[in-house]
C-alpha atoms as a PDB file:
ATOM      1  CA  UNK A   1     146.321 177.602  79.369  1.00  0.00           C
ATOM      2  CA  UNK A   2     148.479 174.695  77.848  1.00  0.00           C
ATOM      3  CA  UNK A   3     147.478 170.961  78.411  1.00  0.00           C
ATOM      4  CA  UNK A   4     149.220 167.983  77.471  1.00  0.00           C
ATOM      5  CA  UNK A   5     146.716 164.940  77.277  1.00  0.00           C
ATOM      6  CA  UNK A   6     147.903 161.607  77.305  1.00  0.00           C
ATOM      7  CA  UNK A   7     145.909 158.582  75.830  1.00  0.00           C
ATOM      8  CA  UNK A   8     144.301 160.929  73.618  1.00  0.00           C
ATOM      9  CA  UNK A   9     143.499 158.639  70.799  1.00  0.00           C
ATOM     10  CA  UNK A  10     141.473 156.257  73.054  1.00  0.00           C
ATOM     11  CA  UNK A  11     137.991 155.721  74.277  1.00  0.00           C
ATOM     12  CA  UNK A  12     137.903 158.394  76.461  1.00  0.00           C
ATOM     13  CA  UNK A  13     140.966 160.778  75.223  1.00  0.00           C
ATOM     14  CA  UNK A  14     139.197 161.631  71.970  1.00  0.00           C
ATOM     15  CA  UNK A  15     136.091 162.659  74.045  1.00  0.00           C
ATOM     16  CA  UNK A  16     138.453 165.007  76.054  1.00  0.00           C
ATOM     17  CA  UNK A  17     139.735 166.291  73.185  1.00  0.00           C
ATOM     18  CA  UNK A  18     136.289 167.339  71.323  1.00  0.00           C
ATOM     19  CA  UNK A  19     135.407 168.931  75.072  1.00  0.00           C
ATOM     20  CA  UNK A  20     138.423 171.160  75.384  1.00  0.00           C
ATOM     21  CA  UNK A  21     137.546 174.675  74.198  1.00  0.00           C
ATOM     22  CA  UNK A  22     139.931 175.293  71.496  1.00  0.00           C
ATOM     23  CA  UNK A  23     139.739 178.945  71.920  1.00  0.00           C
ATOM     24  CA  UNK A  24     141.466 178.924  75.038  1.00  0.00           C
ATOM     25  CA  UNK A  25     143.624 176.198  75.565  1.00  0.00           C
ATOM     26  CA  UNK A  26     146.628 174.749  73.435  1.00  0.00           C
ATOM     27  CA  UNK A  27     146.540 171.059  73.132  1.00  0.00           C
ATOM     28  CA  UNK A  28     149.243 168.865  72.797  1.00  0.00           C
ATOM     29  CA  UNK A  29     148.144 165.456  72.378  1.00  0.00           C
ATOM     30  CA  UNK A  30     150.053 162.212  72.980  1.00  0.00           C
ATOM     31  CA  UNK A  31     149.287 158.507  71.372  1.00  0.00           C
ATOM     32  CA  UNK A  32     150.941 155.591  70.585  1.00  0.00           C
ATOM     33  CA  UNK A  33     149.340 155.362  67.395  1.00  0.00           C
ATOM     34  CA  UNK A  34     149.490 157.574  64.335  1.00  0.00           C
ATOM     35  CA  UNK A  35     146.870 159.912  64.397  1.00  0.00           C
ATOM     36  CA  UNK A  36     144.464 161.697  62.253  1.00  0.00           C
ATOM     37  CA  UNK A  37     145.653 165.227  61.020  1.00  0.00           C
ATOM     38  CA  UNK A  38     143.771 167.978  63.049  1.00  0.00           C
ATOM     39  CA  UNK A  39     144.458 171.388  62.916  1.00  0.00           C
ATOM     40  CA  UNK A  40     143.380 172.518  66.267  1.00  0.00           C
ATOM     41  CA  UNK A  41     145.554 170.078  67.919  1.00  0.00           C
ATOM     42  CA  UNK A  42     149.443 169.228  68.108  1.00  0.00           C
ATOM     43  CA  UNK A  43     149.694 165.626  68.011  1.00  0.00           C
ATOM     44  CA  UNK A  44     153.045 163.972  69.507  1.00  0.00           C
ATOM     45  CA  UNK A  45     153.265 160.121  68.699  1.00  0.00           C
ATOM     46  CA  UNK A  46     155.198 158.778  71.651  1.00  0.00           C
ATOM     47  CA  UNK A  47     155.421 155.576  73.613  1.00  0.00           C
ATOM     48  CA  UNK A  48     155.504 156.583  77.638  1.00  0.00           C
ATOM     49  CA  UNK A  49     156.570 153.041  78.507  1.00  0.00           C
ATOM     50  CA  UNK A  50     160.026 154.079  76.890  1.00  0.00           C
ATOM     51  CA  UNK A  51     162.396 155.455  79.537  1.00  0.00           C
ATOM     52  CA  UNK A  52     162.780 159.360  78.742  1.00  0.00           C
ATOM     53  CA  UNK A  53     159.849 159.667  76.694  1.00  0.00           C
ATOM     54  CA  UNK A  54     157.740 161.620  79.416  1.00  0.00           C
ATOM     55  CA  UNK A  55     160.665 163.700  80.504  1.00  0.00           C
ATOM     56  CA  UNK A  56     161.194 164.846  76.678  1.00  0.00           C
ATOM     57  CA  UNK A  57     157.465 165.544  76.068  1.00  0.00           C
ATOM     58  CA  UNK A  58     156.897 167.633  78.937  1.00  0.00           C
ATOM     59  CA  UNK A  59     160.166 169.682  77.880  1.00  0.00           C
ATOM     60  CA  UNK A  60     159.334 170.043  74.528  1.00  0.00           C
ATOM     61  CA  UNK A  61     155.735 170.835  75.466  1.00  0.00           C
ATOM     62  CA  UNK A  62     156.158 172.919  78.481  1.00  0.00           C
ATOM     63  CA  UNK A  63     152.674 172.542  79.292  1.00  0.00           C
ATOM     64  CA  UNK A  64     150.684 174.463  82.335  1.00  0.00           C
ATOM     65  CA  UNK A  65     148.404 171.274  83.149  1.00  0.00           C
ATOM     66  CA  UNK A  66     149.022 167.567  82.475  1.00  0.00           C
ATOM     67  CA  UNK A  67     145.750 165.291  81.912  1.00  0.00           C
ATOM     68  CA  UNK A  68     147.240 161.606  82.117  1.00  0.00           C
ATOM     69  CA  UNK A  69     144.814 159.103  80.399  1.00  0.00           C
ATOM     70  CA  UNK A  70     146.961 156.157  79.082  1.00  0.00           C
ATOM     71  CA  UNK A  71     147.068 153.235  80.500  1.00  0.00           C
ATOM     72  CA  UNK A  72     146.845 149.566  79.403  1.00  0.00           C
ATOM     73  CA  UNK A  73     142.755 149.328  78.779  1.00  0.00           C
ATOM     74  CA  UNK A  74     142.160 146.180  76.298  1.00  0.00           C
ATOM     75  CA  UNK A  75     138.809 144.841  77.725  1.00  0.00           C
ATOM     76  CA  UNK A  76     139.017 141.407  79.472  1.00  0.00           C
ATOM     77  CA  UNK A  77     142.345 141.778  79.763  1.00  0.00           C
ATOM     78  CA  UNK A  78     143.510 144.861  81.782  1.00  0.00           C
ATOM     79  CA  UNK A  79     142.317 143.771  85.049  1.00  0.00           C
ATOM     80  CA  UNK A  80     145.251 141.419  85.443  1.00  0.00           C
ATOM     81  CA  UNK A  81     147.929 142.353  82.927  1.00  0.00           C
ATOM     82  CA  UNK A  82     151.424 142.919  84.270  1.00  0.00           C
ATOM     83  CA  UNK A  83     151.888 145.761  82.074  1.00  0.00           C
ATOM     84  CA  UNK A  84     149.508 147.522  84.937  1.00  0.00           C
ATOM     85  CA  UNK A  85     153.139 147.972  87.232  1.00  0.00           C
ATOM     86  CA  UNK A  86     154.959 149.353  83.895  1.00  0.00           C
ATOM     87  CA  UNK A  87     152.120 151.983  83.571  1.00  0.00           C
ATOM     88  CA  UNK A  88     152.349 152.450  87.518  1.00  0.00           C
ATOM     89  CA  UNK A  89     156.174 153.184  86.835  1.00  0.00           C
ATOM     90  CA  UNK A  90     155.563 155.332  83.577  1.00  0.00           C
ATOM     91  CA  UNK A  91     152.999 157.522  85.530  1.00  0.00           C
ATOM     92  CA  UNK A  92     155.589 158.165  88.187  1.00  0.00           C
ATOM     93  CA  UNK A  93     158.060 159.255  85.453  1.00  0.00           C
ATOM     94  CA  UNK A  94     155.440 161.685  84.035  1.00  0.00           C
ATOM     95  CA  UNK A  95     154.519 162.886  87.576  1.00  0.00           C
ATOM     96  CA  UNK A  96     158.157 163.112  88.032  1.00  0.00           C
ATOM     97  CA  UNK A  97     158.832 165.792  85.150  1.00  0.00           C
ATOM     98  CA  UNK A  98     155.860 167.791  85.437  1.00  0.00           C
ATOM     99  CA  UNK A  99     157.065 168.725  89.137  1.00  0.00           C
ATOM    100  CA  UNK A 100     160.819 169.415  88.007  1.00  0.00           C
ATOM    101  CA  UNK A 101     159.090 171.476  85.180  1.00  0.00           C
ATOM    102  CA  UNK A 102     157.178 173.410  87.116  1.00  0.00           C
ATOM    103  CA  UNK A 103     153.775 172.004  85.732  1.00  0.00           C
ATOM    104  CA  UNK A 104     150.710 173.928  87.612  1.00  0.00           C
ATOM    105  CA  UNK A 105     148.304 171.189  87.518  1.00  0.00           C
ATOM    106  CA  UNK A 106     148.422 167.290  86.878  1.00  0.00           C
ATOM    107  CA  UNK A 107     145.194 165.465  86.747  1.00  0.00           C
ATOM    108  CA  UNK A 108     145.203 161.682  86.739  1.00  0.00           C
ATOM    109  CA  UNK A 109     142.388 159.155  85.849  1.00  0.00           C
ATOM    110  CA  UNK A 110     141.326 156.275  87.882  1.00  0.00           C
ATOM    111  CA  UNK A 111     138.594 153.872  88.328  1.00  0.00           C
ATOM    112  CA  UNK A 112     135.427 153.525  90.372  1.00  0.00           C
ATOM    113  CA  UNK A 113     136.903 149.759  91.273  1.00  0.00           C
ATOM    114  CA  UNK A 114     139.388 151.736  93.897  1.00  0.00           C
ATOM    115  CA  UNK A 115     136.353 152.112  95.917  1.00  0.00           C
ATOM    116  CA  UNK A 116     135.238 149.071  98.524  1.00  0.00           C
ATOM    117  CA  UNK A 117     131.815 148.431  97.234  1.00  0.00           C
ATOM    118  CA  UNK A 118     129.074 149.437  99.540  1.00  0.00           C
ATOM    119  CA  UNK A 119     125.753 147.318  99.572  1.00  0.00           C
ATOM    120  CA  UNK A 120     123.056 150.038  98.393  1.00  0.00           C
ATOM    121  CA  UNK A 121     124.481 153.314  99.003  1.00  0.00           C
ATOM    122  CA  UNK A 122     126.485 155.890  96.606  1.00  0.00           C
ATOM    123  CA  UNK A 123     130.254 156.158  96.297  1.00  0.00           C
ATOM    124  CA  UNK A 124     131.610 159.361  97.991  1.00  0.00           C
ATOM    125  CA  UNK A 125     135.058 160.290  97.517  1.00  0.00           C
ATOM    126  CA  UNK A 126     135.807 161.553 101.106  1.00  0.00           C
ATOM    127  CA  UNK A 127     134.110 158.928 103.123  1.00  0.00           C
ATOM    128  CA  UNK A 128     133.709 155.471 101.029  1.00  0.00           C
ATOM    129  CA  UNK A 129     136.609 153.088 101.947  1.00  0.00           C
ATOM    130  CA  UNK A 130     138.984 151.933  99.446  1.00  0.00           C
ATOM    131  CA  UNK A 131     140.115 148.505  98.531  1.00  0.00           C
ATOM    132  CA  UNK A 132     142.272 146.238  96.046  1.00  0.00           C
ATOM    133  CA  UNK A 133     140.324 144.020  94.058  1.00  0.00           C
ATOM    134  CA  UNK A 134     142.416 143.684  90.808  1.00  0.00           C
ATOM    135  CA  UNK A 135     146.396 144.200  89.842  1.00  0.00           C
ATOM    136  CA  UNK A 136     144.178 147.028  87.840  1.00  0.00           C
ATOM    137  CA  UNK A 137     142.601 149.102  90.489  1.00  0.00           C
ATOM    138  CA  UNK A 138     145.265 148.714  92.551  1.00  0.00           C
ATOM    139  CA  UNK A 139     147.881 149.982  90.572  1.00  0.00           C
ATOM    140  CA  UNK A 140     145.826 152.831  90.000  1.00  0.00           C
ATOM    141  CA  UNK A 141     145.439 153.600  93.758  1.00  0.00           C
ATOM    142  CA  UNK A 142     148.877 153.268  94.151  1.00  0.00           C
ATOM    143  CA  UNK A 143     149.371 156.149  91.509  1.00  0.00           C
ATOM    144  CA  UNK A 144     146.709 158.396  93.296  1.00  0.00           C
ATOM    145  CA  UNK A 145     148.553 157.584  96.833  1.00  0.00           C
ATOM    146  CA  UNK A 146     151.849 158.572  95.317  1.00  0.00           C
ATOM    147  CA  UNK A 147     151.078 161.515  93.484  1.00  0.00           C
ATOM    148  CA  UNK A 148     148.865 163.222  96.474  1.00  0.00           C
ATOM    149  CA  UNK A 149     151.983 162.813  98.750  1.00  0.00           C
ATOM    150  CA  UNK A 150     154.293 163.885  95.613  1.00  0.00           C
ATOM    151  CA  UNK A 151     152.556 167.300  94.939  1.00  0.00           C
ATOM    152  CA  UNK A 152     151.543 167.907  98.678  1.00  0.00           C
ATOM    153  CA  UNK A 153     152.822 171.097  99.718  1.00  0.00           C
ATOM    154  CA  UNK A 154     154.291 172.048  95.976  1.00  0.00           C
ATOM    155  CA  UNK A 155     152.490 174.534  93.654  1.00  0.00           C
ATOM    156  CA  UNK A 156     151.283 171.748  91.476  1.00  0.00           C
ATOM    157  CA  UNK A 157     147.847 171.145  92.040  1.00  0.00           C
ATOM    158  CA  UNK A 158     146.575 167.539  92.072  1.00  0.00           C
ATOM    159  CA  UNK A 159     143.336 165.852  91.216  1.00  0.00           C
ATOM    160  CA  UNK A 160     142.222 162.332  90.487  1.00  0.00           C
ATOM    161  CA  UNK A 161     139.298 161.734  88.122  1.00  0.00           C
ATOM    162  CA  UNK A 162     137.299 158.411  89.105  1.00  0.00           C
ATOM    163  CA  UNK A 163     135.675 156.790  85.838  1.00  0.00           C
ATOM    164  CA  UNK A 164     132.554 154.476  86.497  1.00  0.00           C
ATOM    165  CA  UNK A 165     130.636 152.841  83.685  1.00  0.00           C
ATOM    166  CA  UNK A 166     131.160 154.490  80.175  1.00  0.00           C
ATOM    167  CA  UNK A 167     129.584 153.680  76.925  1.00  0.00           C
ATOM    168  CA  UNK A 168     129.397 155.219  73.397  1.00  0.00           C
ATOM    169  CA  UNK A 169     131.339 155.891  70.191  1.00  0.00           C
ATOM    170  CA  UNK A 170     134.078 153.673  69.834  1.00  0.00           C
ATOM    171  CA  UNK A 171     133.356 151.384  72.877  1.00  0.00           C
ATOM    172  CA  UNK A 172     135.302 148.058  72.330  1.00  0.00           C
ATOM    173  CA  UNK A 173     132.518 145.724  70.615  1.00  0.00           C
ATOM    174  CA  UNK A 174     132.190 143.160  73.683  1.00  0.00           C
ATOM    175  CA  UNK A 175     131.269 145.473  76.109  1.00  0.00           C
ATOM    176  CA  UNK A 176     128.032 145.295  77.525  1.00  0.00           C
ATOM    177  CA  UNK A 177     125.913 148.471  75.659  1.00  0.00           C
ATOM    178  CA  UNK A 178     127.850 147.646  72.392  1.00  0.00           C
ATOM    179  CA  UNK A 179     127.415 143.961  72.455  1.00  0.00           C
ATOM    180  CA  UNK A 180     123.694 144.176  72.778  1.00  0.00           C
ATOM    181  CA  UNK A 181     123.566 147.139  70.345  1.00  0.00           C
ATOM    182  CA  UNK A 182     125.345 145.281  67.508  1.00  0.00           C
ATOM    183  CA  UNK A 183     123.193 141.877  68.013  1.00  0.00           C
ATOM    184  CA  UNK A 184     119.961 143.816  68.170  1.00  0.00           C
ATOM    185  CA  UNK A 185     120.968 146.048  65.143  1.00  0.00           C
ATOM    186  CA  UNK A 186     121.803 142.660  63.110  1.00  0.00           C
ATOM    187  CA  UNK A 187     118.619 141.112  64.005  1.00  0.00           C
ATOM    188  CA  UNK A 188     120.341 138.566  66.344  1.00  0.00           C
ATOM    189  CA  UNK A 189     119.525 137.330  70.084  1.00  0.00           C
ATOM    190  CA  UNK A 190     120.853 139.566  72.376  1.00  0.00           C
ATOM    191  CA  UNK A 191     122.014 137.376  75.966  1.00  0.00           C
ATOM    192  CA  UNK A 192     122.562 138.891  78.831  1.00  0.00           C
ATOM    193  CA  UNK A 193     122.354 137.539  82.571  1.00  0.00           C
ATOM    194  CA  UNK A 194     119.526 138.398  84.967  1.00  0.00           C
ATOM    195  CA  UNK A 195     121.327 141.633  85.344  1.00  0.00           C
ATOM    196  CA  UNK A 196     120.383 142.567  88.769  1.00  0.00           C
ATOM    197  CA  UNK A 197     123.186 144.572  89.527  1.00  0.00           C
ATOM    198  CA  UNK A 198     123.058 148.258  89.400  1.00  0.00           C
ATOM    199  CA  UNK A 199     125.900 150.428  88.155  1.00  0.00           C
ATOM    200  CA  UNK A 200     126.559 154.012  87.394  1.00  0.00           C
ATOM    201  CA  UNK A 201     126.483 154.525  83.301  1.00  0.00           C
ATOM    202  CA  UNK A 202     127.764 157.504  81.730  1.00  0.00           C
ATOM    203  CA  UNK A 203     127.826 158.630  77.925  1.00  0.00           C
ATOM    204  CA  UNK A 204     131.623 158.501  77.403  1.00  0.00           C
ATOM    205  CA  UNK A 205     131.032 162.018  75.526  1.00  0.00           C
ATOM    206  CA  UNK A 206     129.875 163.495  78.726  1.00  0.00           C
ATOM    207  CA  UNK A 207     132.975 161.560  80.625  1.00  0.00           C
ATOM    208  CA  UNK A 208     135.313 163.390  78.532  1.00  0.00           C
ATOM    209  CA  UNK A 209     133.416 166.852  79.069  1.00  0.00           C
ATOM    210  CA  UNK A 210     133.672 166.208  82.827  1.00  0.00           C
ATOM    211  CA  UNK A 211     137.776 165.106  82.639  1.00  0.00           C
ATOM    212  CA  UNK A 212     138.286 168.431  80.631  1.00  0.00           C
ATOM    213  CA  UNK A 213     136.158 170.907  83.267  1.00  0.00           C
ATOM    214  CA  UNK A 214     138.128 168.945  85.733  1.00  0.00           C
ATOM    215  CA  UNK A 215     141.362 169.558  84.022  1.00  0.00           C
ATOM    216  CA  UNK A 216     140.470 173.426  83.687  1.00  0.00           C
ATOM    217  CA  UNK A 217     139.223 173.753  87.254  1.00  0.00           C
ATOM    218  CA  UNK A 218     141.016 174.466  90.694  1.00  0.00           C
ATOM    219  CA  UNK A 219     139.159 171.271  92.497  1.00  0.00           C
ATOM    220  CA  UNK A 220     141.938 169.108  94.106  1.00  0.00           C
ATOM    221  CA  UNK A 221     141.768 165.121  95.238  1.00  0.00           C
ATOM    222  CA  UNK A 222     139.847 162.245  93.945  1.00  0.00           C
ATOM    223  CA  UNK A 223     136.206 163.547  92.089  1.00  0.00           C
ATOM    224  CA  UNK A 224     133.959 160.599  90.712  1.00  0.00           C
ATOM    225  CA  UNK A 225     132.992 161.004  87.131  1.00  0.00           C
ATOM    226  CA  UNK A 226     129.543 159.590  86.749  1.00  0.00           C
ATOM    227  CA  UNK A 227     126.133 160.688  86.958  1.00  0.00           C
ATOM    228  CA  UNK A 228     124.840 159.933  90.015  1.00  0.00           C
ATOM    229  CA  UNK A 229     122.119 157.483  88.784  1.00  0.00           C
ATOM    230  CA  UNK A 230     121.861 153.938  89.445  1.00  0.00           C
ATOM    231  CA  UNK A 231     120.491 151.353  86.704  1.00  0.00           C
ATOM    232  CA  UNK A 232     120.540 147.639  86.876  1.00  0.00           C
ATOM    233  CA  UNK A 233     121.875 145.895  83.682  1.00  0.00           C
ATOM    234  CA  UNK A 234     119.033 144.278  82.477  1.00  0.00           C
ATOM    235  CA  UNK A 235     117.081 147.773  82.478  1.00  0.00           C
ATOM    236  CA  UNK A 236     120.113 148.938  80.161  1.00  0.00           C
ATOM    237  CA  UNK A 237     119.523 145.974  78.101  1.00  0.00           C
ATOM    238  CA  UNK A 238     115.711 146.391  78.024  1.00  0.00           C
ATOM    239  CA  UNK A 239     116.265 150.013  77.146  1.00  0.00           C
ATOM    240  CA  UNK A 240     118.097 149.349  74.268  1.00  0.00           C
ATOM    241  CA  UNK A 241     115.691 146.536  73.052  1.00  0.00           C
ATOM    242  CA  UNK A 242     113.089 148.995  73.224  1.00  0.00           C
ATOM    243  CA  UNK A 243     114.828 151.993  71.338  1.00  0.00           C
ATOM    244  CA  UNK A 244     115.880 149.495  68.919  1.00  0.00           C
ATOM    245  CA  UNK A 245     112.705 148.155  68.147  1.00  0.00           C
ATOM    246  CA  UNK A 246     113.635 144.713  68.703  1.00  0.00           C
ATOM    247  CA  UNK A 247     112.461 143.939  72.394  1.00  0.00           C
ATOM    248  CA  UNK A 248     111.812 140.624  71.871  1.00  0.00           C
ATOM    249  CA  UNK A 249     115.537 139.993  71.020  1.00  0.00           C
ATOM    250  CA  UNK A 250     116.325 140.675  74.373  1.00  0.00           C
ATOM    251  CA  UNK A 251     117.429 137.638  76.501  1.00  0.00           C
ATOM    252  CA  UNK A 252     117.502 138.044  80.098  1.00  0.00           C
ATOM    253  CA  UNK A 253     118.864 135.375  82.178  1.00  0.00           C
ATOM    254  CA  UNK A 254     120.266 133.486  79.028  1.00  0.00           C
ATOM    255  CA  UNK A 255     123.697 133.995  80.584  1.00  0.00           C
ATOM    256  CA  UNK A 256     125.015 133.119  83.778  1.00  0.00           C
ATOM    257  CA  UNK A 257     125.739 135.611  86.557  1.00  0.00           C
ATOM    258  CA  UNK A 258     129.186 136.815  87.003  1.00  0.00           C
ATOM    259  CA  UNK A 259     130.214 134.972  90.559  1.00  0.00           C
ATOM    260  CA  UNK A 260     131.071 137.595  92.869  1.00  0.00           C
ATOM    261  CA  UNK A 261     129.505 140.558  91.176  1.00  0.00           C
ATOM    262  CA  UNK A 262     129.033 143.865  93.124  1.00  0.00           C
ATOM    263  CA  UNK A 263     125.462 144.460  93.500  1.00  0.00           C
ATOM    264  CA  UNK A 264     125.589 148.564  93.540  1.00  0.00           C
ATOM    265  CA  UNK A 265     128.445 150.757  92.346  1.00  0.00           C
ATOM    266  CA  UNK A 266     127.168 154.147  91.351  1.00  0.00           C
ATOM    267  CA  UNK A 267     128.695 157.674  92.013  1.00  0.00           C
ATOM    268  CA  UNK A 268     127.960 160.202  94.292  1.00  0.00           C
ATOM    269  CA  UNK A 269     128.237 162.995  91.548  1.00  0.00           C
ATOM    270  CA  UNK A 270     127.909 165.966  93.915  1.00  0.00           C
ATOM    271  CA  UNK A 271     131.826 166.886  93.932  1.00  0.00           C
ATOM    272  CA  UNK A 272     131.632 166.858  90.163  1.00  0.00           C
ATOM    273  CA  UNK A 273     128.369 168.883  90.282  1.00  0.00           C
ATOM    274  CA  UNK A 274     129.184 171.290  92.938  1.00  0.00           C
ATOM    275  CA  UNK A 275     132.520 172.278  92.630  1.00  0.00           C
ATOM    276  CA  UNK A 276     133.864 171.158  89.180  1.00  0.00           C
ATOM    277  CA  UNK A 277     130.311 172.734  88.010  1.00  0.00           C
ATOM    278  CA  UNK A 278     129.607 170.090  85.453  1.00  0.00           C
ATOM    279  CA  UNK A 279     126.483 168.248  84.715  1.00  0.00           C
ATOM    280  CA  UNK A 280     125.918 165.480  82.025  1.00  0.00           C
ATOM    281  CA  UNK A 281     124.122 166.905  79.513  1.00  0.00           C
ATOM    282  CA  UNK A 282     122.393 163.690  77.951  1.00  0.00           C
ATOM    283  CA  UNK A 283     119.625 161.453  79.067  1.00  0.00           C
ATOM    284  CA  UNK A 284     120.396 157.626  79.561  1.00  0.00           C
ATOM    285  CA  UNK A 285     117.839 156.979  76.539  1.00  0.00           C
ATOM    286  CA  UNK A 286     119.700 159.984  74.651  1.00  0.00           C
ATOM    287  CA  UNK A 287     122.816 158.252  75.162  1.00  0.00           C
ATOM    288  CA  UNK A 288     121.830 154.856  73.956  1.00  0.00           C
ATOM    289  CA  UNK A 289     120.032 156.065  71.117  1.00  0.00           C
ATOM    290  CA  UNK A 290     123.537 157.465  70.209  1.00  0.00           C
ATOM    291  CA  UNK A 291     125.042 154.494  70.625  1.00  0.00           C
ATOM    292  CA  UNK A 292     122.535 152.357  68.699  1.00  0.00           C
ATOM    293  CA  UNK A 293     123.194 154.802  65.757  1.00  0.00           C
ATOM    294  CA  UNK A 294     126.615 154.715  66.040  1.00  0.00           C
ATOM    295  CA  UNK A 295     126.838 150.891  65.485  1.00  0.00           C
ATOM    296  CA  UNK A 296     124.343 150.734  62.988  1.00  0.00           C
ATOM    297  CA  UNK A 297     126.334 152.989  61.110  1.00  0.00           C
ATOM    298  CA  UNK A 298     129.525 151.109  61.815  1.00  0.00           C
ATOM    299  CA  UNK A 299     127.876 147.825  61.158  1.00  0.00           C
ATOM    300  CA  UNK A 300     126.464 148.854  57.793  1.00  0.00           C
ATOM    301  CA  UNK A 301     130.183 149.738  56.531  1.00  0.00           C
ATOM    302  CA  UNK A 302     131.525 146.459  57.928  1.00  0.00           C
ATOM    303  CA  UNK A 303     133.544 147.674  60.868  1.00  0.00           C
ATOM    304  CA  UNK A 304     133.853 145.847  63.899  1.00  0.00           C
ATOM    305  CA  UNK A 305     134.693 148.549  66.597  1.00  0.00           C
END
């Protein structure tokens, strides 16, 4: 199988690349940045926001499957950034090029924020209602709806992976796990809110492997990319404190709670496990320990991300 992977140099994309079985899959990876040389991957430096780029890539690579990850995801800004509309249009162009070229499978990537969050039950793909919260999740769900309708009745199968809360290597430095880890490693206080909200935290390496498995499967429709386990945010911070050997630095309640924070966002991972056949390979403590190790190395080397 020949796969065209967009957003391949990003936080999630690089983990998809690591998970794809090189002996069975020919990978064409797309990034707007200059990638490091990799003998196992054919890289294409391209900007999908430019007219004609998607069509040229599909024509050049002739993929069997497109796994579309590329989007604007700058932490703290992507929720309301107008470029969400540009990426919606770019996704439509890529999908049209795929359909016209006879691509057999198209897998898009969305977000758990597409769901209308229930009070205390996991999000189930076929049953939990959807709702608009921000421009980001509204744009993502609009793409899903249009693509599902576009590929209905055609030879191209369509799947949509909904990512939950990811952490791990190369995470942006100002997110929960990375910011707490960096503070603990450098011996500084790690302030947090009361952290009562429950979230489904998944190691990004497992998320990349799950998306690779979804792309190589025949499963169609929305599939949650999560562990199916909920942990409150305070527990994540405390675990990082214990694993680092500096629990006294974790300051629960030192920051104000976010207004309107949903109390519970956890995946029902049944489709991912039973239909795609994927299960996370790392426990939460293993993933958090690895995250601490990653940031320890980067702090020691003077890196900021």
